[in-house]
Amino acid sequence: MQNFLEESVRRFPNKAAVVTGKDIYTFSDVEHQSDSLAIYLQSVGVNRGDRIVLQLGNTIEAVISFWAVLKVGAIVIPVGTELKSNKLEYILDNSGAIVFISAKDTILLHKNIIAKSKLTKVIVTDIDDQLKEDLFVDYSDTLKSHHSTLKSSGLISIDLAAIIYTSGSTGEPKGVMLSHENMIAATNSLNSYLNYQKHDKVLCALPLSFDYGLYQMIMCISKGATLLLEKESSWPIFLLKTIEKEKATILPAVPTMVMLLHEQSKKYNFDLSSIRAVTNTGAALLPSNIQMIKKLFVKADIFSMYGLTECKRCTYLPPKEIDAKPNSVGIAIPNTELWVVDEKGNRILTPNTVGQLVIRGATVMQGYWKKPEKTSEKLKPGIYPGERILYTGDYCCIDENGYLYFKGRMDHMINSRGIKVSPKEVEDYLNTISGVHSAVVTGVPHEDYGEALFAFVVLEEGSLVSENDILIQSKEGLEIYKVPEYLKIIKSIPKTPNGKFNVIELKNRALQLLKEEHINSSVI
């Protein structure tokens, strides 16, 4: 992986690699600082295969540390700044990490957890006198001149490069193991159809701990492009200003970001014509989102994509098909093969028949760290002896032209009245109702049905449609078992740090509303 950086340093030593606020770092800066940090890591005993956790947010330190870890042959574990103490404790213990790199406030918050861990060094970006023990090291000190030189780690391409922990919303986080081969294959595939170029400026406000954000940095480094790195919590107005000021050319976004940018743009007149491409993954673009992008970025190609951490990316919709097939997540990315299977594992050949999506290719993970049983559920024997392919756990169908349509996650299906219902299918219908801005559907326990559908809806500005109006239209347009049993209009939908709708928080809110009986039901 580190060859990407070395090649760009050779070709573009003085070109801007990362821009954060007013600070500009060239490719040579990234190379030299990551070399220094790597030399320090080797001096304190970090070896090939050791695990290092980064909790640094969208900062230059996160970029430098990522490449430094790879240079010593260690395994990088990026985690979000919002991570709760119990999740961080689990990840440190499960991974057996020996180095943790983070900011002072985070370190102080988790000091008790750190004391119980296997960590041998904690590198702090803004250390002060509160952290005096030998365990803690000033990040800036690790970048100072070293008399020794960086030693070869001896790693090869099948060694692990990263462990990306899933959110663990339904249990313990699972550590997705990615080899250097996996990440190189993913980067090359993404570059082949997104076509990042050395002149591109990629505006990234997605967390670098989220693989969608992380690969923006990797792709920029690999192609000599400039990463305009914004804080994950940047206000939409600042993103619009940055696009205009820096003449950004590529915007990776999730639907919630698109909605916020669209709302802000109504109040101001920004020149956004420099954007040549808008990419999306993490959550599907609705037709309304697509129209927002077209209004905001009139010259931009729109790349609607779909993937999982376990294989990075599965599909992309060629921009020319965005109007013809707006509900499709597209075709397989280059160097990847996909199909759907029935409940017995047989390949489905009939178009538009729903089954579980299967992925075959060089991007498929190595498994889950220290979870052989979970690994065997996802990775199963493939076409050739010894090969393993990914059973995604996602319900999809493929049309007669080979285009994929996502229907829902198997573990997110709601079993109501003995029938499995896809929340996404109901959400898609609710979003077509005039006056509805966005919708999220979750399942709640029900005495008679097992589970009942609970819908949260946000209205468009100025809309007067009522909860009862939406329920009546749902009964007219949906099969009876797909009509939400309960519906609540709210001002906004809570988001995760990755920009997705926070379904877990909404489910808890639904349970509380039912307890308090402050809810509109389709039975009344």
Protein backbone atom coordinates (compact mmCIF):
# COMPACT_ATOMS: atom_id res chain seq x y z
CA MET A 1 0.00 0.00 0.00
CA GLN A 2 2.76 2.48 0.93
CA ASN A 3 4.01 2.26 -2.66
CA PHE A 4 1.13 4.60 -3.58
CA LEU A 5 2.70 7.32 -1.46
CA GLU A 6 6.24 6.61 -2.63
CA GLU A 7 5.24 6.86 -6.30
CA SER A 8 3.37 10.14 -5.84
CA VAL A 9 6.29 11.62 -3.91
CA ARG A 10 8.56 10.70 -6.81
CA ARG A 11 6.22 12.29 -9.36
CA PHE A 12 4.80 15.26 -7.41
CA PRO A 13 7.13 16.03 -4.47
CA ASN A 14 6.08 19.68 -4.03
CA LYS A 15 2.42 19.35 -4.99
CA ALA A 16 -0.27 19.85 -2.32
CA ALA A 17 -1.35 16.45 -1.01
CA VAL A 18 -3.54 17.53 1.91
CA VAL A 19 -5.15 20.89 2.68
CA THR A 20 -6.65 21.35 6.16
CA GLY A 21 -7.95 24.86 6.76
CA LYS A 22 -5.04 27.22 6.05
CA ASP A 23 -2.40 24.48 6.28
CA ILE A 24 -1.00 22.85 3.15
CA TYR A 25 1.06 19.64 3.21
CA THR A 26 2.93 18.48 0.13
CA PHE A 27 3.51 14.86 -0.82
CA SER A 28 7.08 15.26 0.44
CA ASP A 29 5.76 16.55 3.77
CA VAL A 30 3.54 13.49 4.16
CA GLU A 31 6.42 11.20 3.22
CA HIS A 32 8.98 12.76 5.55
CA GLN A 33 6.67 13.04 8.55
CA SER A 34 5.36 9.49 8.15
CA ASP A 35 8.97 8.26 7.83
CA SER A 36 9.86 9.98 11.11
CA LEU A 37 6.88 8.53 12.93
CA ALA A 38 7.62 5.08 11.46
CA ILE A 39 11.24 5.26 12.67
CA TYR A 40 10.00 6.17 16.13
CA LEU A 41 7.55 3.25 16.14
CA GLN A 42 10.35 0.85 15.23
CA SER A 43 12.52 2.33 18.00
CA VAL A 44 9.90 1.44 20.63
CA GLY A 45 9.54 -2.12 19.40
CA VAL A 46 6.66 -2.03 16.93
CA ASN A 47 7.02 -4.93 14.51
CA ARG A 48 5.32 -6.38 11.47
CA GLY A 49 1.80 -7.52 12.36
CA ASP A 50 1.42 -5.41 15.52
CA ARG A 51 -1.83 -3.48 15.81
CA ILE A 52 -2.04 0.31 16.22
CA VAL A 53 -5.31 2.15 16.94
CA LEU A 54 -5.83 5.67 15.55
CA GLN A 55 -8.53 7.90 17.02
CA LEU A 56 -7.62 11.22 15.42
CA GLY A 57 -10.61 12.49 13.45
CA ASN A 58 -10.10 14.29 10.16
CA THR A 59 -6.64 15.67 10.86
CA ILE A 60 -3.24 15.69 9.21
CA GLU A 61 -2.05 13.51 12.10
CA ALA A 62 -4.51 10.82 10.98
CA VAL A 63 -3.08 10.90 7.45
CA ILE A 64 0.56 10.82 8.63
CA SER A 65 -0.12 8.06 11.16
CA PHE A 66 -1.93 5.86 8.63
CA TRP A 67 1.08 5.74 6.29
CA ALA A 68 3.58 5.43 9.15
CA VAL A 69 1.84 2.34 10.49
CA LEU A 70 1.92 0.68 7.08
CA LYS A 71 5.60 1.51 6.63
CA VAL A 72 6.56 -0.55 9.69
CA GLY A 73 4.40 -3.47 8.55
CA ALA A 74 1.92 -2.96 11.39
CA ILE A 75 -1.86 -3.08 11.08
CA VAL A 76 -3.79 0.18 11.23
CA ILE A 77 -7.11 0.34 13.12
CA PRO A 78 -8.91 3.67 12.54
CA VAL A 79 -11.79 4.39 14.93
CA GLY A 80 -14.21 7.30 15.14
CA THR A 81 -13.78 10.15 17.60
CA GLU A 82 -17.34 9.56 18.82
CA LEU A 83 -16.62 5.97 19.90
CA LYS A 84 -18.08 5.14 23.32
CA SER A 85 -15.78 3.96 26.11
CA ASN A 86 -17.11 0.39 26.14
CA LYS A 87 -16.54 0.03 22.38
CA LEU A 88 -13.01 1.44 22.59
CA GLU A 89 -12.23 -0.87 25.50
CA TYR A 90 -13.49 -3.84 23.49
CA ILE A 91 -11.45 -2.89 20.39
CA LEU A 92 -8.23 -2.37 22.37
CA ASP A 93 -8.69 -5.73 24.08
CA ASN A 94 -9.89 -7.67 21.04
CA SER A 95 -7.18 -6.37 18.74
CA GLY A 96 -4.37 -6.59 21.28
CA ALA A 97 -3.15 -3.18 20.12
CA ILE A 98 0.19 -2.04 21.58
CA VAL A 99 0.09 1.61 20.43
CA PHE A 100 -2.76 4.13 20.57
CA ILE A 101 -2.53 7.54 18.86
CA SER A 102 -5.09 10.18 19.82
CA ALA A 103 -5.69 13.66 21.26
CA LYS A 104 -5.29 14.69 24.89
CA ASP A 105 -9.01 15.04 25.69
CA THR A 106 -9.70 11.56 24.36
CA ILE A 107 -6.78 10.09 26.31
CA LEU A 108 -7.91 11.71 29.56
CA LEU A 109 -11.48 10.49 29.00
CA HIS A 110 -10.30 6.91 28.54
CA LYS A 111 -7.37 6.86 30.96
CA ASN A 112 -8.79 4.02 33.06
CA ILE A 113 -9.35 1.90 29.96
CA ILE A 114 -5.82 2.60 28.76
CA ALA A 115 -4.40 1.56 32.11
CA LYS A 116 -6.04 -1.88 31.82
CA SER A 117 -5.02 -2.41 28.18
CA LYS A 118 -2.00 -4.06 26.54
CA LEU A 119 -0.77 -0.69 25.25
CA THR A 120 2.94 -0.05 25.55
CA LYS A 121 2.86 3.49 24.13
CA VAL A 122 0.19 6.17 23.83
CA ILE A 123 1.08 8.97 21.43
CA VAL A 124 -0.75 12.21 22.21
CA THR A 125 -1.15 15.01 19.66
CA ASP A 126 -1.50 17.84 22.23
CA ILE A 127 0.10 16.48 25.39
CA ASP A 128 0.39 18.51 28.59
CA ASP A 129 1.45 18.05 32.21
CA GLN A 130 -1.64 15.98 33.01
CA LEU A 131 -0.02 13.06 31.19
CA LYS A 132 3.39 12.63 32.77
CA GLU A 133 3.86 8.85 32.86
CA ASP A 134 6.36 7.13 30.58
CA LEU A 135 3.48 5.50 28.73
CA PHE A 136 2.52 8.83 27.12
CA VAL A 137 4.56 10.43 24.32
CA ASP A 138 4.22 13.81 22.61
CA TYR A 139 3.29 13.30 18.95
CA SER A 140 5.47 16.22 17.86
CA ASP A 141 8.50 14.57 19.52
CA THR A 142 8.05 11.48 17.32
CA LEU A 143 8.48 13.65 14.22
CA LYS A 144 11.82 15.14 15.27
CA SER A 145 15.05 14.08 13.55
CA HIS A 146 16.13 10.52 14.23
CA HIS A 147 19.68 9.26 13.87
CA SER A 148 18.53 5.84 12.69
CA THR A 149 16.96 5.02 9.33
CA LEU A 150 13.72 3.28 8.54
CA LYS A 151 14.29 -0.47 8.41
CA SER A 152 12.49 -2.76 5.99
CA SER A 153 9.51 -4.40 7.67
CA GLY A 154 9.64 -7.45 5.41
CA LEU A 155 5.90 -7.36 4.79
CA ILE A 156 4.39 -8.91 1.67
CA SER A 157 1.13 -8.13 -0.09
CA ILE A 158 -0.94 -10.80 1.66
CA ASP A 159 -0.09 -9.34 5.09
CA LEU A 160 -2.87 -7.45 6.84
CA ALA A 161 -2.93 -3.69 6.28
CA ALA A 162 -6.00 -2.72 8.30
CA ILE A 163 -8.71 -3.92 10.63
CA ILE A 164 -11.91 -1.90 10.24
CA TYR A 165 -14.34 -2.49 13.09
CA THR A 166 -18.01 -2.46 12.22
CA SER A 167 -20.34 -0.37 14.35
CA GLY A 168 -21.56 -3.36 16.34
CA SER A 169 -25.10 -1.95 16.62
CA THR A 170 -26.51 -5.46 17.05
CA GLY A 171 -23.71 -6.86 19.22
CA GLU A 172 -19.96 -6.78 19.60
CA PRO A 173 -18.06 -4.91 16.86
CA LYS A 174 -16.50 -7.20 14.27
CA GLY A 175 -13.01 -6.45 12.99
CA VAL A 176 -12.94 -6.72 9.20
CA MET A 177 -9.45 -7.89 8.20
CA LEU A 178 -8.12 -6.32 5.00
CA SER A 179 -4.81 -7.28 3.43
CA HIS A 180 -2.58 -4.98 1.41
CA GLU A 181 -3.80 -6.90 -1.66
CA ASN A 182 -7.43 -6.22 -0.70
CA MET A 183 -6.88 -2.48 -0.33
CA ILE A 184 -4.72 -2.14 -3.43
CA ALA A 185 -7.32 -4.01 -5.49
CA ALA A 186 -10.10 -1.80 -4.12
CA THR A 187 -8.16 1.40 -4.82
CA ASN A 188 -7.32 0.36 -8.37
CA SER A 189 -10.92 -0.66 -9.08
CA LEU A 190 -12.33 2.60 -7.72
CA ASN A 191 -9.81 4.65 -9.67
CA SER A 192 -10.61 2.82 -12.89
CA TYR A 193 -14.22 4.06 -13.03
CA LEU A 194 -14.14 7.21 -10.87
CA ASN A 195 -11.01 8.31 -12.74
CA TYR A 196 -9.43 10.51 -10.07
CA GLN A 197 -6.65 12.61 -11.66
CA LYS A 198 -3.65 14.58 -10.41
CA HIS A 199 -5.47 17.87 -11.02
CA ASP A 200 -8.48 16.86 -8.90
CA LYS A 201 -9.31 18.41 -5.55
CA VAL A 202 -11.43 16.05 -3.47
CA LEU A 203 -13.49 17.62 -0.69
CA CYS A 204 -13.76 15.10 2.14
CA ALA A 205 -15.94 15.78 5.18
CA LEU A 206 -16.56 12.07 5.68
CA PRO A 207 -14.75 10.54 8.68
CA LEU A 208 -11.39 8.96 7.86
CA SER A 209 -12.45 6.21 10.29
CA PHE A 210 -15.29 5.37 7.86
CA ASP A 211 -13.97 3.39 4.89
CA TYR A 212 -15.72 5.72 2.42
CA GLY A 213 -13.75 8.63 3.87
CA LEU A 214 -10.54 6.63 4.29
CA TYR A 215 -10.46 5.64 0.62
CA GLN A 216 -10.81 9.28 -0.45
CA MET A 217 -7.44 9.88 1.19
CA ILE A 218 -5.93 6.70 -0.26
CA MET A 219 -7.16 7.43 -3.80
CA CYS A 220 -5.86 11.00 -3.66
CA ILE A 221 -2.44 9.78 -2.54
CA SER A 222 -2.42 7.08 -5.23
CA LYS A 223 -3.22 9.49 -8.09
CA GLY A 224 -1.43 12.65 -6.95
CA ALA A 225 -4.72 14.46 -6.32
CA THR A 226 -5.25 16.98 -3.51
CA LEU A 227 -7.37 16.06 -0.49
CA LEU A 228 -9.33 19.00 0.93
CA LEU A 229 -9.79 17.55 4.42
CA GLU A 230 -12.67 19.01 6.41
CA LYS A 231 -13.79 18.20 9.94
CA GLU A 232 -16.51 15.55 10.07
CA SER A 233 -18.84 18.02 11.76
CA SER A 234 -18.32 20.88 9.30
CA TRP A 235 -21.41 22.99 8.73
CA PRO A 236 -22.82 22.78 5.18
CA ILE A 237 -22.23 26.50 4.66
CA PHE A 238 -18.49 25.99 5.22
CA LEU A 239 -18.41 23.11 2.73
CA LEU A 240 -20.10 25.28 0.10
CA LYS A 241 -17.61 28.07 0.77
CA THR A 242 -14.69 25.63 0.46
CA ILE A 243 -15.97 24.33 -2.89
CA GLU A 244 -16.10 27.86 -4.25
CA LYS A 245 -12.79 29.02 -2.75
CA GLU A 246 -10.68 25.93 -3.53
CA LYS A 247 -12.42 25.06 -6.82
CA ALA A 248 -13.04 21.51 -5.58
CA THR A 249 -13.69 19.04 -8.37
CA ILE A 250 -15.02 15.94 -6.58
CA LEU A 251 -17.49 15.69 -3.71
CA PRO A 252 -18.03 12.34 -1.94
CA ALA A 253 -21.35 12.60 -0.11
CA VAL A 254 -24.05 10.68 1.68
CA PRO A 255 -27.75 11.57 1.20
CA THR A 256 -28.00 13.45 4.49
CA MET A 257 -25.12 15.71 3.41
CA VAL A 258 -26.79 16.31 0.05
CA MET A 259 -30.00 17.40 1.80
CA LEU A 260 -28.16 19.81 4.10
CA LEU A 261 -26.13 21.33 1.26
CA HIS A 262 -29.29 21.78 -0.80
CA GLU A 263 -31.07 23.58 2.06
CA GLN A 264 -28.12 25.93 2.66
CA SER A 265 -27.66 26.71 -1.03
CA LYS A 266 -31.17 28.19 -1.16
CA LYS A 267 -30.00 31.03 1.09
CA TYR A 268 -26.78 31.91 -0.77
CA ASN A 269 -25.44 32.13 -4.29
CA PHE A 270 -22.24 30.07 -4.52
CA ASP A 271 -20.32 29.20 -7.67
CA LEU A 272 -20.22 25.39 -7.50
CA SER A 273 -19.42 24.84 -11.17
CA SER A 274 -15.96 23.37 -10.42
CA ILE A 275 -17.49 20.08 -9.17
CA ARG A 276 -17.17 17.51 -11.96
CA ALA A 277 -18.31 14.44 -10.00
CA VAL A 278 -20.45 13.65 -6.97
CA THR A 279 -20.09 10.17 -5.52
CA ASN A 280 -22.35 8.41 -3.04
CA THR A 281 -22.31 5.25 -0.98
CA GLY A 282 -23.24 4.26 2.57
CA ALA A 283 -26.95 4.91 1.97
CA ALA A 284 -28.87 4.88 -1.28
CA LEU A 285 -29.65 8.11 -3.13
CA LEU A 286 -33.36 8.75 -3.44
CA PRO A 287 -34.69 10.26 -6.69
CA SER A 288 -35.21 13.50 -4.74
CA ASN A 289 -31.52 13.45 -3.70
CA ILE A 290 -30.49 13.03 -7.32
CA GLN A 291 -32.52 16.09 -8.30
CA MET A 292 -30.90 18.08 -5.48
CA ILE A 293 -27.44 17.18 -6.77
CA LYS A 294 -28.39 18.20 -10.31
CA LYS A 295 -29.56 21.60 -9.07
CA LEU A 296 -26.47 22.15 -6.95
CA PHE A 297 -23.82 20.82 -9.31
CA VAL A 298 -25.06 21.29 -12.85
CA LYS A 299 -21.87 19.99 -14.51
CA ALA A 300 -21.33 16.97 -12.29
CA ASP A 301 -21.50 13.30 -13.12
CA ILE A 302 -23.37 11.42 -10.38
CA PHE A 303 -21.94 8.09 -9.23
CA SER A 304 -24.44 6.15 -7.12
CA MET A 305 -22.62 3.24 -5.48
CA TYR A 306 -23.16 0.43 -3.00
CA GLY A 307 -20.83 -1.63 -0.86
CA LEU A 308 -19.94 -3.22 2.44
CA THR A 309 -16.89 -2.89 4.66
CA GLU A 310 -16.32 -6.62 4.05
CA CYS A 311 -15.50 -5.99 0.37
CA LYS A 312 -15.22 -2.18 0.20
CA ARG A 313 -17.43 -1.61 -2.87
CA CYS A 314 -19.76 -3.92 -4.80
CA THR A 315 -21.38 -1.87 -7.53
CA TYR A 316 -21.62 1.52 -9.20
CA LEU A 317 -24.25 3.02 -11.47
CA PRO A 318 -22.68 4.58 -14.58
CA PRO A 319 -23.67 8.29 -14.58
CA LYS A 320 -25.40 7.97 -17.96
CA GLU A 321 -27.92 5.58 -16.33
CA ILE A 322 -28.81 7.80 -13.36
CA ASP A 323 -32.11 8.91 -14.95
CA ALA A 324 -33.02 5.62 -16.60
CA LYS A 325 -32.34 3.47 -13.51
CA PRO A 326 -32.42 5.82 -10.48
CA ASN A 327 -33.38 3.00 -8.09
CA SER A 328 -30.56 0.71 -9.17
CA VAL A 329 -27.19 0.52 -7.42
CA GLY A 330 -25.64 -0.45 -10.73
CA ILE A 331 -23.26 -3.04 -12.07
CA ALA A 332 -20.29 -4.81 -10.53
CA ILE A 333 -17.19 -2.67 -10.06
CA PRO A 334 -14.21 -3.64 -12.25
CA ASN A 335 -12.50 -6.92 -11.29
CA THR A 336 -15.53 -8.07 -9.28
CA GLU A 337 -18.25 -10.66 -9.97
CA LEU A 338 -21.65 -10.84 -8.29
CA TRP A 339 -24.84 -12.89 -8.30
CA VAL A 340 -27.80 -13.69 -6.02
CA VAL A 341 -28.70 -17.01 -4.43
CA ASP A 342 -31.85 -18.53 -2.93
CA GLU A 343 -32.20 -19.84 0.63
CA LYS A 344 -30.50 -23.12 -0.38
CA GLY A 345 -27.51 -21.30 -1.87
CA ASN A 346 -28.48 -21.96 -5.50
CA ARG A 347 -27.75 -19.22 -8.00
CA ILE A 348 -30.91 -17.40 -9.14
CA LEU A 349 -31.07 -17.01 -12.90
CA THR A 350 -34.55 -15.49 -13.23
CA PRO A 351 -34.37 -11.68 -13.56
CA ASN A 352 -35.90 -9.51 -10.82
CA THR A 353 -36.02 -12.36 -8.30
CA VAL A 354 -34.89 -11.45 -4.80
CA GLY A 355 -32.08 -13.42 -3.18
CA GLN A 356 -28.92 -12.97 -1.11
CA LEU A 357 -26.11 -11.11 -2.82
CA VAL A 358 -22.80 -12.96 -3.26
CA ILE A 359 -19.52 -11.18 -4.10
CA ARG A 360 -16.41 -12.71 -5.66
CA GLY A 361 -13.21 -10.77 -6.19
CA ALA A 362 -9.90 -9.49 -4.86
CA THR A 363 -11.53 -6.98 -2.52
CA VAL A 364 -13.27 -9.62 -0.36
CA MET A 365 -12.00 -9.46 3.22
CA GLN A 366 -9.79 -12.05 4.89
CA GLY A 367 -12.38 -12.58 7.62
CA TYR A 368 -13.29 -11.16 11.03
CA TRP A 369 -10.46 -10.75 13.53
CA LYS A 370 -10.58 -13.57 16.12
CA LYS A 371 -14.12 -14.55 15.10
CA PRO A 372 -13.86 -17.80 13.11
CA GLU A 373 -17.55 -18.67 13.49
CA LYS A 374 -18.71 -15.26 12.25
CA THR A 375 -16.17 -15.53 9.43
CA SER A 376 -17.52 -18.91 8.30
CA GLU A 377 -21.04 -17.45 8.13
CA LYS A 378 -19.89 -14.84 5.62
CA LEU A 379 -17.04 -16.51 3.71
CA LYS A 380 -17.98 -19.76 2.01
CA PRO A 381 -16.34 -22.05 -0.58
CA GLY A 382 -16.13 -20.47 -4.02
CA ILE A 383 -15.72 -21.65 -7.60
CA TYR A 384 -12.20 -23.03 -7.18
CA PRO A 385 -10.76 -25.22 -4.39
CA GLY A 386 -9.61 -23.07 -1.47
CA GLU A 387 -11.34 -19.95 -2.74
CA ARG A 388 -13.78 -18.11 -0.48
CA ILE A 389 -16.56 -15.80 -1.58
CA LEU A 390 -18.62 -13.31 0.41
CA TYR A 391 -22.24 -13.96 1.31
CA THR A 392 -23.24 -10.39 2.08
CA GLY A 393 -26.45 -10.87 4.06
CA ASP A 394 -28.15 -8.35 1.76
CA TYR A 395 -31.33 -9.04 -0.19
CA CYS A 396 -31.00 -7.88 -3.80
CA CYS A 397 -32.28 -8.67 -7.27
CA ILE A 398 -30.75 -8.32 -10.73
CA ASP A 399 -32.75 -7.13 -13.73
CA GLU A 400 -32.61 -8.49 -17.27
CA ASN A 401 -29.77 -6.06 -18.11
CA GLY A 402 -27.57 -7.10 -15.20
CA TYR A 403 -28.29 -4.09 -12.96
CA LEU A 404 -28.52 -4.69 -9.22
CA TYR A 405 -31.30 -3.45 -6.92
CA PHE A 406 -30.80 -3.42 -3.15
CA LYS A 407 -33.88 -4.59 -1.20
CA GLY A 408 -32.67 -4.67 2.40
CA ARG A 409 -30.43 -6.39 4.90
CA MET A 410 -31.42 -9.87 6.02
CA ASP A 411 -30.84 -8.92 9.66
CA HIS A 412 -32.89 -5.72 9.25
CA MET A 413 -36.00 -7.37 7.80
CA ILE A 414 -39.14 -6.91 9.89
CA ASN A 415 -41.14 -10.10 10.45
CA SER A 416 -44.70 -8.79 10.69
CA ARG A 417 -47.73 -11.07 10.59
CA GLY A 418 -45.46 -13.92 9.57
CA ILE A 419 -44.25 -12.05 6.48
CA LYS A 420 -40.76 -10.58 6.02
CA VAL A 421 -41.01 -6.88 5.13
CA SER A 422 -38.12 -4.75 3.85
CA PRO A 423 -38.06 -1.38 5.66
CA LYS A 424 -36.39 0.13 2.58
CA GLU A 425 -39.33 -0.80 0.35
CA VAL A 426 -41.75 0.97 2.70
CA GLU A 427 -39.40 3.96 3.04
CA ASP A 428 -39.15 4.24 -0.75
CA TYR A 429 -42.94 4.43 -1.02
CA LEU A 430 -43.29 6.98 1.79
CA ASN A 431 -40.72 9.17 0.06
CA THR A 432 -42.95 9.34 -3.04
CA ILE A 433 -45.83 10.90 -1.09
CA SER A 434 -46.21 14.61 -1.80
CA GLY A 435 -44.92 16.69 1.08
CA VAL A 436 -42.66 13.98 2.52
CA HIS A 437 -38.97 14.91 2.69
CA SER A 438 -37.52 11.68 4.16
CA ALA A 439 -38.62 8.58 6.07
CA VAL A 440 -37.17 5.82 8.21
CA VAL A 441 -39.00 2.60 9.12
CA THR A 442 -38.10 0.36 12.04
CA GLY A 443 -39.68 -2.62 13.74
CA VAL A 444 -41.19 -2.68 17.24
CA PRO A 445 -42.61 -5.60 19.26
CA HIS A 446 -46.32 -6.28 18.74
CA GLU A 447 -48.53 -8.65 20.73
CA ASP A 448 -50.45 -9.95 17.69
CA TYR A 449 -48.05 -9.44 14.76
CA GLY A 450 -44.71 -10.33 16.36
CA GLU A 451 -43.30 -7.09 14.99
CA ALA A 452 -45.04 -3.98 13.69
CA LEU A 453 -43.75 -1.29 11.35
CA PHE A 454 -43.05 2.10 12.91
CA ALA A 455 -42.42 4.98 10.49
CA PHE A 456 -40.72 8.29 11.25
CA VAL A 457 -41.31 10.99 8.64
CA VAL A 458 -39.80 14.43 8.03
CA LEU A 459 -41.91 16.80 5.95
CA GLU A 460 -40.76 19.18 3.27
CA GLU A 461 -40.63 22.82 4.33
CA GLY A 462 -44.14 24.29 4.32
CA SER A 463 -45.88 20.93 3.88
CA LEU A 464 -49.24 20.58 5.64
CA VAL A 465 -49.69 16.84 5.13
CA SER A 466 -50.75 15.09 8.35
CA GLU A 467 -49.81 11.75 9.85
CA ASN A 468 -53.28 10.46 9.05
CA ASP A 469 -52.98 11.64 5.42
CA ILE A 470 -49.76 9.66 5.03
CA LEU A 471 -51.30 6.53 6.57
CA ILE A 472 -54.33 6.76 4.28
CA GLN A 473 -52.11 7.06 1.18
CA SER A 474 -49.99 4.16 2.43
CA LYS A 475 -53.07 1.95 2.60
CA GLU A 476 -53.89 2.92 -0.98
CA GLY A 477 -50.39 2.24 -2.36
CA LEU A 478 -48.99 -0.61 -0.26
CA GLU A 479 -50.02 -4.16 0.54
CA ILE A 480 -51.73 -4.24 3.93
CA TYR A 481 -48.80 -5.98 5.64
CA LYS A 482 -46.44 -3.19 4.47
CA VAL A 483 -48.54 -0.33 5.86
CA PRO A 484 -46.91 1.13 8.99
CA GLU A 485 -48.80 0.31 12.13
CA TYR A 486 -47.50 3.51 13.70
CA LEU A 487 -46.32 6.80 12.22
CA LYS A 488 -44.76 9.90 13.73
CA ILE A 489 -43.84 13.19 12.03
CA ILE A 490 -40.59 14.61 13.43
CA LYS A 491 -38.51 17.71 12.64
CA SER A 492 -35.31 15.90 11.71
CA ILE A 493 -33.87 12.39 11.62
CA PRO A 494 -30.86 11.77 13.89
CA LYS A 495 -27.64 10.85 12.09
CA THR A 496 -24.69 8.64 12.89
CA PRO A 497 -21.18 10.18 12.65
CA ASN A 498 -20.92 8.55 9.20
CA GLY A 499 -23.94 10.53 7.99
CA LYS A 500 -26.38 7.62 7.92
CA PHE A 501 -29.81 7.71 9.55
CA ASN A 502 -29.47 6.50 13.15
CA VAL A 503 -31.99 3.64 13.14
CA ILE A 504 -31.00 2.45 16.61
CA GLU A 505 -31.80 5.83 18.18
CA LEU A 506 -35.10 5.99 16.28
CA LYS A 507 -36.08 2.50 17.43
CA ASN A 508 -35.49 3.51 21.04
CA ARG A 509 -37.54 6.66 20.46
CA ALA A 510 -40.33 4.54 18.96
CA LEU A 511 -40.41 2.27 22.00
CA GLN A 512 -40.59 5.29 24.30
CA LEU A 513 -43.43 6.85 22.28
CA LEU A 514 -45.39 3.60 22.41
CA LYS A 515 -44.85 3.44 26.16
CA GLU A 516 -46.20 6.97 26.47
CA GLU A 517 -48.92 6.32 23.84
CA HIS A 518 -48.02 9.52 21.96
CA ILE A 519 -48.40 8.01 18.54
CA ASN A 520 -50.66 7.87 15.50
CA SER A 521 -51.71 4.35 14.60
CA SER A 522 -53.07 3.02 11.32
CA VAL A 523 -55.80 1.18 13.23
CA ILE A 524 -57.53 4.36 14.34
